[in-house]
């Protein structure tokens, strides 16, 4: 079984739970409110601010080059979206949330990246739904459109590396890290939800 398929199978439950917290039904039904959107933005910002750079730097040089890690930073796009939505970055930075404090191994970093890159893939559908909702008229949705026409290429190149560069002996590390990342995002979402909504 390809590592990508194993990840999808092993994290299916966590993924489903996170979708509930991240308003997937509301997005798909075009009933997402601006307050809910702000919760999504704040959650994604806090997660990326905490772990994005950490996981990219944990990759070995060859893997980082293969996945184009330098081109996969999304924090600046999220900061632009916060500004557009009138959310104070400084206030978000004061929120006390326990961050995974371990050092990522290269395999664990790929597991966390799988979650973040997968969320970006979902962004293509999300931005189309939001652009069809009057409440979001005029917003650039920088995070959800970050890869533009390169979205599918970026995903395929990432999973291509994931499926070929990780030895089977490291699969468990990758899966555990992906599961932990899903849980971490859920924790951040719940915390943000109590503060912003």
Protein backbone atom coordinates (compact mmCIF):
# COMPACT_ATOMS: atom_id res chain seq x y z
CA UNK A 1 0.00 0.00 0.00
CA UNK A 2 1.28 3.46 -0.90
CA UNK A 3 2.03 5.67 2.08
CA UNK A 4 -0.50 8.22 0.78
CA UNK A 5 -3.24 5.56 0.87
CA UNK A 6 -2.17 4.37 4.32
CA UNK A 7 -2.35 7.93 5.63
CA UNK A 8 -5.79 8.45 4.17
CA UNK A 9 -7.06 5.25 5.77
CA UNK A 10 -5.43 5.73 9.17
CA UNK A 11 -6.47 9.38 9.57
CA UNK A 12 -10.00 9.11 8.15
CA UNK A 13 -11.66 9.47 11.58
CA UNK A 14 -9.53 12.45 12.61
CA UNK A 15 -10.09 14.09 9.25
CA UNK A 16 -13.86 13.70 9.56
CA UNK A 17 -13.92 15.17 13.07
CA UNK A 18 -11.85 18.15 11.95
CA UNK A 19 -14.18 18.81 9.01
CA UNK A 20 -17.04 19.19 11.48
CA UNK A 21 -15.07 21.77 13.47
CA UNK A 22 -13.95 23.63 10.34
CA UNK A 23 -17.49 24.28 9.08
CA UNK A 24 -17.27 22.08 5.99
CA UNK A 25 -21.05 21.62 5.82
CA UNK A 26 -21.64 25.36 6.03
CA UNK A 27 -19.03 26.00 3.34
CA UNK A 28 -20.54 23.44 0.99
CA UNK A 29 -24.07 24.76 1.60
CA UNK A 30 -22.88 28.37 1.09
CA UNK A 31 -24.15 29.31 4.55
CA UNK A 32 -20.78 30.09 6.15
CA UNK A 33 -20.93 33.32 8.16
CA UNK A 34 -18.16 35.90 8.31
CA UNK A 35 -17.63 35.06 11.98
CA UNK A 36 -17.15 31.40 11.10
CA UNK A 37 -14.75 32.38 8.33
CA UNK A 38 -12.78 34.43 10.85
CA UNK A 39 -12.56 31.35 13.08
CA UNK A 40 -11.20 29.35 10.13
CA UNK A 41 -8.63 32.03 9.34
CA UNK A 42 -7.52 32.40 12.93
CA UNK A 43 -7.17 28.63 13.33
CA UNK A 44 -5.14 28.25 10.15
CA UNK A 45 -2.96 31.23 11.06
CA UNK A 46 -2.17 29.95 14.54
CA UNK A 47 -1.37 26.45 13.27
CA UNK A 48 0.90 27.67 10.49
CA UNK A 49 2.59 30.21 12.76
CA UNK A 50 3.37 27.45 15.24
CA UNK A 51 4.53 24.57 13.04
CA UNK A 52 4.96 25.53 9.38
CA UNK A 53 8.56 26.73 9.56
CA UNK A 54 9.42 24.03 12.09
CA UNK A 55 8.34 21.16 9.85
CA UNK A 56 9.90 22.61 6.72
CA UNK A 57 13.24 23.00 8.48
CA UNK A 58 13.04 19.43 9.81
CA UNK A 59 13.17 17.98 6.28
CA UNK A 60 16.54 16.85 5.08
CA UNK A 61 18.00 19.02 2.33
CA UNK A 62 17.25 16.59 -0.48
CA UNK A 63 13.60 16.03 0.52
CA UNK A 64 13.05 19.75 1.09
CA UNK A 65 14.32 20.38 -2.43
CA UNK A 66 12.18 17.59 -3.92
CA UNK A 67 8.95 18.87 -2.36
CA UNK A 68 9.83 22.53 -3.02
CA UNK A 69 9.42 23.42 0.65
CA UNK A 70 10.48 27.02 0.03
CA UNK A 71 7.44 27.47 -2.22
CA UNK A 72 4.97 25.98 0.27
CA UNK A 73 4.91 28.66 2.96
CA UNK A 74 1.38 29.94 3.56
CA UNK A 75 1.80 32.14 6.63
CA UNK A 76 2.18 35.41 4.70
CA UNK A 77 -1.05 34.69 2.76
CA UNK A 78 -2.87 34.05 6.02
CA UNK A 79 -1.57 37.31 7.49
CA UNK A 80 -2.96 39.19 4.46
CA UNK A 81 -6.33 37.48 4.96
CA UNK A 82 -6.36 38.40 8.65
CA UNK A 83 -5.83 42.04 7.73
CA UNK A 84 -8.61 41.93 5.13
CA UNK A 85 -11.00 40.36 7.62
CA UNK A 86 -10.14 42.90 10.32
CA UNK A 87 -8.59 40.37 12.70
CA UNK A 88 -5.75 41.51 14.94
CA UNK A 89 -2.70 39.30 14.44
CA UNK A 90 -1.24 40.63 17.70
CA UNK A 91 -4.34 39.52 19.62
CA UNK A 92 -4.19 36.05 18.08
CA UNK A 93 -0.52 35.80 19.02
CA UNK A 94 -1.54 36.24 22.68
CA UNK A 95 -3.84 33.21 22.68
CA UNK A 96 -2.40 30.54 24.93
CA UNK A 97 -2.43 27.24 23.06
CA UNK A 98 -0.14 24.33 23.75
CA UNK A 99 2.04 23.78 20.69
CA UNK A 100 3.58 20.38 19.88
CA UNK A 101 6.99 21.02 21.41
CA UNK A 102 8.90 18.04 20.11
CA UNK A 103 11.48 18.21 17.38
CA UNK A 104 10.16 16.75 14.14
CA UNK A 105 12.08 13.97 12.47
CA UNK A 106 12.13 14.22 8.65
CA UNK A 107 9.45 11.49 8.48
CA UNK A 108 7.26 13.20 11.08
CA UNK A 109 7.65 16.49 9.22
CA UNK A 110 6.25 14.86 6.07
CA UNK A 111 3.30 13.54 8.10
CA UNK A 112 2.48 17.05 9.31
CA UNK A 113 2.98 18.44 5.80
CA UNK A 114 0.52 15.87 4.46
CA UNK A 115 -2.17 17.47 6.61
CA UNK A 116 -1.29 21.06 5.72
CA UNK A 117 -0.93 20.34 2.01
CA UNK A 118 -4.18 18.38 2.02
CA UNK A 119 -5.94 21.39 3.54
CA UNK A 120 -4.59 23.51 0.71
CA UNK A 121 -6.02 21.05 -1.81
CA UNK A 122 -9.42 21.52 -0.19
CA UNK A 123 -8.97 25.26 -0.59
CA UNK A 124 -9.83 25.07 -4.28
CA UNK A 125 -13.36 23.92 -3.50
CA UNK A 126 -13.67 26.27 -0.51
CA UNK A 127 -12.73 29.42 -2.41
CA UNK A 128 -15.24 28.62 -5.17
CA UNK A 129 -18.01 28.20 -2.60
CA UNK A 130 -17.05 31.37 -0.75
CA UNK A 131 -16.84 33.42 -3.94
CA UNK A 132 -20.40 32.30 -4.69
CA UNK A 133 -21.55 33.59 -1.28
CA UNK A 134 -22.45 37.32 -1.18
CA UNK A 135 -20.98 37.83 2.31
CA UNK A 136 -17.49 37.17 0.95
CA UNK A 137 -17.60 39.51 -2.01
CA UNK A 138 -14.43 41.57 -2.25
CA UNK A 139 -12.22 39.26 -0.19
CA UNK A 140 -9.11 37.99 -1.96
CA UNK A 141 -8.99 34.65 -0.10
CA UNK A 142 -5.19 34.59 -0.39
CA UNK A 143 -4.77 31.40 1.65
CA UNK A 144 -7.39 29.40 -0.23
CA UNK A 145 -6.02 30.43 -3.63
CA UNK A 146 -2.32 30.38 -2.76
CA UNK A 147 -1.18 27.82 -5.35
CA UNK A 148 -3.42 29.10 -8.14
CA UNK A 149 -3.06 27.00 -11.29
CA UNK A 150 -0.24 24.98 -9.68
CA UNK A 151 -2.53 23.41 -7.06
CA UNK A 152 -2.83 19.94 -8.56
CA UNK A 153 0.79 19.90 -9.69
CA UNK A 154 1.95 20.81 -6.17
CA UNK A 155 -0.18 18.11 -4.58
CA UNK A 156 0.95 15.42 -7.00
CA UNK A 157 4.59 16.36 -6.60
CA UNK A 158 4.26 16.27 -2.81
CA UNK A 159 2.58 12.85 -2.64
CA UNK A 160 5.04 11.59 -5.24
CA UNK A 161 7.88 12.32 -2.84
CA UNK A 162 5.86 11.02 0.11
CA UNK A 163 5.25 7.70 -1.63
CA UNK A 164 8.84 7.17 -2.79
CA UNK A 165 11.19 8.88 -0.33
CA UNK A 166 10.00 7.38 2.97
CA UNK A 167 11.23 3.90 3.90
CA UNK A 168 8.54 1.54 5.18
CA UNK A 169 10.25 1.46 8.57
CA UNK A 170 9.31 5.15 8.98
CA UNK A 171 5.66 4.82 7.96
CA UNK A 172 4.47 4.71 11.57
CA UNK A 173 6.23 8.01 12.33
CA UNK A 174 4.54 9.66 9.36
CA UNK A 175 1.08 8.35 10.28
CA UNK A 176 1.44 9.28 13.97
CA UNK A 177 2.57 12.79 13.08
CA UNK A 178 -0.33 13.28 10.66
CA UNK A 179 -2.78 12.10 13.33
CA UNK A 180 -1.22 14.40 15.89
CA UNK A 181 -1.46 17.33 13.46
CA UNK A 182 -5.16 16.71 12.84
CA UNK A 183 -5.69 16.63 16.63
CA UNK A 184 -3.65 19.79 17.11
CA UNK A 185 -5.67 21.71 14.50
CA UNK A 186 -8.89 20.52 16.16
CA UNK A 187 -7.64 21.76 19.55
CA UNK A 188 -6.72 25.16 18.10
CA UNK A 189 -10.10 25.41 16.35
CA UNK A 190 -12.00 24.68 19.56
CA UNK A 191 -9.96 27.24 21.47
CA UNK A 192 -10.39 29.93 18.82
CA UNK A 193 -14.10 29.21 18.58
CA UNK A 194 -14.58 30.03 22.28
CA UNK A 195 -12.78 33.36 21.81
CA UNK A 196 -13.92 34.72 18.43
CA UNK A 197 -17.51 33.46 18.07
